[in-house]
Amino acid sequence: MKQLLLILFLFCVPLAQAETNVEPVIVTHPGPKGSQGDQEVQQAMKLMEGLGYTTEAYIPGTCADSAKAWNSAGNKPMVMLYSSTWGQAERTQGKPCTADFTGGTVVQRRLVPSWMCSAPNPKPFNTPELKVALQASTPWKDIQDDINKKNGWSWKIIPVDQSGKEAIMQLINGDIDYAFIGQGGNNLKGKVARGEIKCQVSSMPNDSIPFMGAEFKMSGDVNHALSKNYITVVKNVKSPDIAKIKDAFNPTKSEEVKKYFEFNEFNYRPLEDNNQINLDES
């Protein structure tokens, strides 16, 4: 009997150790910690853990570091939350933020427009030297020149690297006249309803507020530069789990993700059959 128990013990211990030592899935987004990106990582970790995976967060604070970690992962399982603004940052600031998605699978897509918001009493768009804040990762100088040339205005676009919350405080304090703020995650609808700010136009057609292309003249690609395309990509996970992961991240199939999308006012985009990235398309 003792020999039988010893055999069972020796057999079970390696199994338990093997289960404990399963390599964790690294979930990455540049962050920084405490940001909307950090919340995205926590949500993705929760969804992966619900499928039986262990997870670790990697929130380095720069898109270059996140991209480097992804590109050098080898066979490590990873999830990356990737934004079109990373590519814009590389083009406008020279940061090496391109991630190689060869062998990866897109499991979630969403599109987030930017809203041009102001304090409750906005200045007219044709106000001389109107101060408009825009993320530094965008081609802000080209956008400024395009809009000014086509409309005969003199906007002074201020390139910023800050959160939506900081931009809203600057609007309320009168430091800037307008700011393009990503709608998702900033509760802009709630702030507008409470009269804290006023949002005039959206960077995306068919949104809940007027499309900026209908309010003033601009090139057709300006709205593409301001609307953010987000994808969630996984690699080096079990092939049979891909379909389960897609369903777990799908707000039309997961009540938890649906509520998360509704709370953050995200716009879901269906996955494409050919696994295309298409970050430059809205």
Protein backbone atom coordinates (compact mmCIF):
# COMPACT_ATOMS: atom_id res chain seq x y z
CA MET A 1 0.00 0.00 0.00
CA LYS A 2 2.84 2.36 0.92
CA GLN A 3 4.54 1.59 -2.37
CA LEU A 4 1.31 2.37 -4.26
CA LEU A 5 0.94 5.71 -2.44
CA LEU A 6 4.58 6.55 -3.19
CA ILE A 7 4.08 5.80 -6.90
CA LEU A 8 0.95 7.97 -6.98
CA PHE A 9 2.81 10.77 -5.19
CA LEU A 10 5.73 10.66 -7.59
CA PHE A 11 3.35 10.61 -10.54
CA CYS A 12 1.16 13.51 -9.36
CA VAL A 13 3.91 15.92 -8.30
CA PRO A 14 5.36 16.36 -11.80
CA LEU A 15 1.85 16.90 -13.15
CA ALA A 16 1.19 19.62 -10.59
CA GLN A 17 4.54 21.23 -11.30
CA ALA A 18 3.91 21.10 -15.04
CA GLU A 19 0.53 22.79 -14.54
CA THR A 20 2.08 25.47 -12.33
CA ASN A 21 4.96 26.13 -14.70
CA VAL A 22 2.85 26.83 -17.79
CA GLU A 23 4.43 29.83 -19.49
CA PRO A 24 2.30 32.93 -18.88
CA VAL A 25 0.83 34.99 -21.68
CA ILE A 26 2.47 38.45 -21.77
CA VAL A 27 -0.11 41.20 -22.39
CA THR A 28 1.44 44.45 -23.60
CA HIS A 29 0.41 48.03 -24.28
CA PRO A 30 2.69 51.05 -23.90
CA GLY A 31 0.61 52.42 -21.03
CA PRO A 32 1.55 54.29 -18.92
CA LYS A 33 0.29 52.65 -15.74
CA GLY A 34 -3.01 54.05 -14.57
CA SER A 35 -3.95 55.07 -18.12
CA GLN A 36 -6.73 53.81 -20.37
CA GLY A 37 -4.12 51.52 -21.91
CA ASP A 38 -3.43 50.00 -18.50
CA GLN A 39 -7.16 49.30 -18.13
CA GLU A 40 -7.13 47.64 -21.55
CA VAL A 41 -4.32 45.34 -20.43
CA GLN A 42 -6.18 44.38 -17.25
CA GLN A 43 -9.31 43.58 -19.26
CA ALA A 44 -7.35 41.43 -21.73
CA MET A 45 -5.61 39.58 -18.88
CA LYS A 46 -8.96 38.83 -17.26
CA LEU A 47 -10.36 37.44 -20.52
CA MET A 48 -7.31 35.23 -21.12
CA GLU A 49 -7.35 33.94 -17.54
CA GLY A 50 -11.00 33.03 -18.03
CA LEU A 51 -9.80 30.64 -20.74
CA GLY A 52 -7.33 28.97 -18.38
CA TYR A 53 -4.17 30.93 -19.22
CA THR A 54 -1.89 32.61 -16.70
CA THR A 55 -0.90 36.15 -17.61
CA GLU A 56 1.62 38.90 -16.95
CA ALA A 57 1.38 42.59 -17.87
CA TYR A 58 4.12 44.47 -19.71
CA ILE A 59 3.35 48.21 -19.71
CA PRO A 60 6.68 49.90 -20.49
CA GLY A 61 5.40 53.42 -21.19
CA THR A 62 6.56 53.62 -24.85
CA CYS A 63 5.28 52.02 -28.03
CA ALA A 64 8.89 51.33 -29.06
CA ASP A 65 9.45 49.09 -26.02
CA SER A 66 6.15 47.25 -26.51
CA ALA A 67 6.92 46.66 -30.18
CA LYS A 68 10.44 45.46 -29.32
CA ALA A 69 9.07 42.99 -26.76
CA TRP A 70 6.59 41.63 -29.31
CA ASN A 71 9.12 41.37 -32.13
CA SER A 72 11.71 39.59 -29.95
CA ALA A 73 9.27 37.26 -28.15
CA GLY A 74 10.33 34.13 -30.02
CA ASN A 75 7.92 31.37 -28.98
CA LYS A 76 6.56 33.19 -25.93
CA PRO A 77 2.76 33.57 -25.95
CA MET A 78 1.71 37.21 -26.16
CA VAL A 79 -1.25 39.52 -26.54
CA MET A 80 -0.68 43.01 -27.95
CA LEU A 81 -3.09 45.92 -27.85
CA TYR A 82 -2.03 47.91 -30.91
CA SER A 83 -3.17 51.32 -32.14
CA SER A 84 -2.86 53.18 -35.44
CA THR A 85 -1.31 56.04 -33.45
CA TRP A 86 1.80 53.88 -32.99
CA GLY A 87 2.42 53.96 -36.72
CA GLN A 88 1.74 57.69 -36.74
CA ALA A 89 4.28 58.15 -33.95
CA GLU A 90 6.85 56.31 -35.99
CA ARG A 91 6.22 58.47 -39.05
CA THR A 92 6.06 61.79 -37.21
CA GLN A 93 8.56 61.27 -34.38
CA GLY A 94 10.86 58.56 -35.71
CA LYS A 95 10.01 56.06 -32.95
CA PRO A 96 10.48 52.40 -34.04
CA CYS A 97 6.98 51.33 -33.09
CA THR A 98 6.17 48.89 -35.88
CA ALA A 99 5.21 45.41 -34.70
CA ASP A 100 5.62 42.41 -37.00
CA PHE A 101 2.30 40.57 -36.93
CA THR A 102 3.47 37.67 -39.10
CA GLY A 103 2.07 34.54 -37.47
CA GLY A 104 -0.23 36.55 -35.20
CA THR A 105 -4.03 36.53 -35.21
CA VAL A 106 -6.29 39.56 -34.82
CA VAL A 107 -8.92 38.69 -32.20
CA GLN A 108 -10.57 42.08 -31.71
CA ARG A 109 -10.98 45.30 -33.70
CA ARG A 110 -12.52 48.63 -32.81
CA LEU A 111 -12.58 52.16 -34.15
CA VAL A 112 -12.49 55.21 -31.88
CA PRO A 113 -13.23 58.65 -33.34
CA SER A 114 -11.77 61.86 -32.00
CA TRP A 115 -14.17 64.59 -30.95
CA MET A 116 -13.29 68.27 -31.22
CA CYS A 117 -14.36 69.64 -27.85
CA SER A 118 -14.33 72.99 -26.09
CA ALA A 119 -15.46 74.72 -22.92
CA PRO A 120 -19.27 75.20 -22.64
CA ASN A 121 -19.10 78.48 -24.62
CA PRO A 122 -17.03 77.66 -27.71
CA LYS A 123 -15.34 80.19 -29.97
CA PRO A 124 -16.21 80.14 -33.69
CA PHE A 125 -13.98 77.97 -35.84
CA ASN A 126 -12.82 81.02 -37.81
CA THR A 127 -11.50 82.81 -34.70
CA PRO A 128 -7.99 84.15 -35.52
CA GLU A 129 -5.21 81.96 -34.08
CA LEU A 130 -7.65 79.50 -32.54
CA LYS A 131 -5.69 77.26 -30.14
CA VAL A 132 -6.45 73.62 -30.95
CA ALA A 133 -4.72 70.75 -29.09
CA LEU A 134 -3.93 67.60 -31.04
CA GLN A 135 -1.90 64.52 -30.12
CA ALA A 136 1.74 64.89 -31.10
CA SER A 137 1.68 61.39 -32.61
CA THR A 138 -0.57 62.66 -35.42
CA PRO A 139 0.74 64.56 -38.47
CA TRP A 140 -0.49 67.71 -36.73
CA LYS A 141 1.48 70.20 -38.83
CA ASP A 142 0.05 68.80 -42.07
CA ILE A 143 -3.46 68.84 -40.57
CA GLN A 144 -3.04 72.47 -39.45
CA ASP A 145 -1.79 73.59 -42.86
CA ASP A 146 -4.49 71.63 -44.68
CA ILE A 147 -7.40 73.05 -42.68
CA ASN A 148 -6.04 76.62 -42.66
CA LYS A 149 -5.36 76.64 -46.40
CA LYS A 150 -8.73 75.21 -47.42
CA ASN A 151 -10.79 77.40 -45.05
CA GLY A 152 -8.78 80.62 -44.92
CA TRP A 153 -8.28 80.27 -41.15
CA SER A 154 -5.27 80.66 -38.86
CA TRP A 155 -5.55 77.76 -36.41
CA LYS A 156 -2.57 77.27 -34.13
CA ILE A 157 -2.47 73.54 -33.49
CA ILE A 158 -0.66 72.68 -30.26
CA PRO A 159 0.93 69.20 -30.34
CA VAL A 160 0.44 67.54 -26.97
CA ASP A 161 1.27 64.24 -25.32
CA GLN A 162 -1.33 63.97 -22.59
CA SER A 163 -4.43 62.12 -21.51
CA GLY A 164 -7.98 63.07 -22.41
CA LYS A 165 -8.59 64.03 -18.77
CA GLU A 166 -5.73 66.54 -18.90
CA ALA A 167 -7.03 68.01 -22.16
CA ILE A 168 -10.50 68.44 -20.65
CA MET A 169 -9.06 70.30 -17.65
CA GLN A 170 -7.16 72.62 -20.02
CA LEU A 171 -10.41 73.34 -21.87
CA ILE A 172 -12.26 74.12 -18.65
CA ASN A 173 -9.39 76.34 -17.42
CA GLY A 174 -9.26 78.23 -20.73
CA ASP A 175 -5.68 77.22 -21.55
CA ILE A 176 -6.78 76.02 -25.00
CA ASP A 177 -9.83 76.73 -27.15
CA TYR A 178 -10.41 73.25 -28.54
CA ALA A 179 -8.95 69.76 -28.22
CA PHE A 180 -9.33 66.64 -30.31
CA ILE A 181 -10.01 63.93 -27.73
CA GLY A 182 -10.51 60.23 -28.31
CA GLN A 183 -14.14 59.47 -27.58
CA GLY A 184 -13.58 56.00 -26.18
CA GLY A 185 -12.67 55.80 -22.51
CA ASN A 186 -13.08 59.52 -21.73
CA ASN A 187 -16.86 59.60 -21.05
CA LEU A 188 -17.28 62.57 -23.37
CA LYS A 189 -21.01 61.94 -23.74
CA GLY A 190 -21.47 62.14 -19.97
CA LYS A 191 -19.41 65.33 -19.69
CA VAL A 192 -21.39 66.93 -22.52
CA ALA A 193 -24.69 65.91 -20.88
CA ARG A 194 -23.59 67.53 -17.60
CA GLY A 195 -22.59 70.74 -19.39
CA GLU A 196 -18.91 70.47 -18.46
CA ILE A 197 -17.74 70.65 -22.08
CA LYS A 198 -19.21 70.94 -25.55
CA CYS A 199 -18.14 68.65 -28.39
CA GLN A 200 -18.74 70.12 -31.83
CA VAL A 201 -17.62 67.62 -34.45
CA SER A 202 -16.37 64.06 -34.88
CA SER A 203 -13.46 62.81 -36.97
CA MET A 204 -15.63 59.97 -38.23
CA PRO A 205 -18.67 60.12 -40.55
CA ASN A 206 -22.00 58.77 -39.27
CA ASP A 207 -21.07 59.35 -35.64
CA SER A 208 -23.49 60.70 -33.01
CA ILE A 209 -22.28 64.27 -33.57
CA PRO A 210 -21.65 66.08 -36.91
CA PHE A 211 -18.75 64.95 -39.09
CA MET A 212 -16.07 67.64 -39.24
CA GLY A 213 -15.82 67.20 -43.01
CA ALA A 214 -19.35 68.58 -43.25
CA GLU A 215 -18.53 71.57 -41.00
CA PHE A 216 -15.33 72.79 -42.67
CA LYS A 217 -13.22 72.00 -45.71
CA MET A 218 -10.39 69.47 -45.42
CA SER A 219 -8.61 66.69 -47.26
CA GLY A 220 -10.28 63.30 -47.27
CA ASP A 221 -7.46 61.70 -45.29
CA VAL A 222 -7.52 64.11 -42.33
CA ASN A 223 -10.28 62.15 -40.61
CA HIS A 224 -8.22 58.94 -41.02
CA ALA A 225 -5.35 60.56 -39.13
CA LEU A 226 -7.65 61.50 -36.24
CA SER A 227 -9.76 58.35 -35.87
CA LYS A 228 -7.87 55.64 -33.98
CA ASN A 229 -8.00 52.05 -35.14
CA TYR A 230 -7.30 49.51 -32.40
CA ILE A 231 -6.59 45.82 -32.79
CA THR A 232 -5.85 43.07 -30.29
CA VAL A 233 -3.43 40.46 -31.64
CA VAL A 234 -2.35 37.13 -30.12
CA LYS A 235 0.50 34.79 -31.04
CA ASN A 236 2.05 31.55 -29.85
CA VAL A 237 -1.14 30.32 -28.15
CA LYS A 238 -2.75 26.92 -28.66
CA SER A 239 -4.25 26.73 -32.14
CA PRO A 240 -7.52 25.16 -30.94
CA ASP A 241 -7.95 28.14 -28.57
CA ILE A 242 -7.94 30.82 -31.29
CA ALA A 243 -11.68 30.56 -31.91
CA LYS A 244 -12.36 30.64 -28.16
CA ILE A 245 -10.17 33.73 -27.74
CA LYS A 246 -11.97 35.52 -30.58
CA ASP A 247 -15.31 34.78 -28.95
CA ALA A 248 -14.04 35.89 -25.53
CA PHE A 249 -13.00 39.29 -26.99
CA ASN A 250 -16.16 39.71 -29.08
CA PRO A 251 -18.75 42.12 -27.57
CA THR A 252 -21.50 40.46 -29.63
CA LYS A 253 -20.76 37.10 -27.94
CA SER A 254 -19.46 38.11 -24.50
CA GLU A 255 -21.73 40.03 -22.14
CA GLU A 256 -18.71 41.19 -20.12
CA VAL A 257 -16.97 42.65 -23.18
CA LYS A 258 -20.25 44.17 -24.37
CA LYS A 259 -20.61 46.06 -21.09
CA TYR A 260 -16.95 47.11 -21.25
CA PHE A 261 -17.45 48.49 -24.77
CA GLU A 262 -20.63 50.30 -23.77
CA PHE A 263 -19.01 51.84 -20.68
CA ASN A 264 -16.03 53.10 -22.71
CA GLU A 265 -18.13 54.06 -25.76
CA PHE A 266 -16.05 51.89 -28.10
CA ASN A 267 -17.17 51.17 -31.66
CA TYR A 268 -16.83 47.48 -32.49
CA ARG A 269 -15.49 46.45 -35.90
CA PRO A 270 -16.08 42.86 -37.07
CA LEU A 271 -13.00 40.76 -37.71
CA GLU A 272 -11.95 40.27 -41.32
CA ASP A 273 -11.80 36.78 -42.80
CA ASN A 274 -8.28 37.32 -44.15
CA ASN A 275 -6.86 38.51 -40.78
CA GLN A 276 -5.99 41.94 -42.22
CA ILE A 277 -4.70 44.74 -40.01
CA ASN A 278 -6.06 47.71 -42.06
CA LEU A 279 -5.12 50.29 -39.44
CA ASP A 280 -5.31 53.13 -41.92
CA GLU A 281 -8.92 52.48 -42.88
CA SER A 282 -11.98 53.74 -41.10
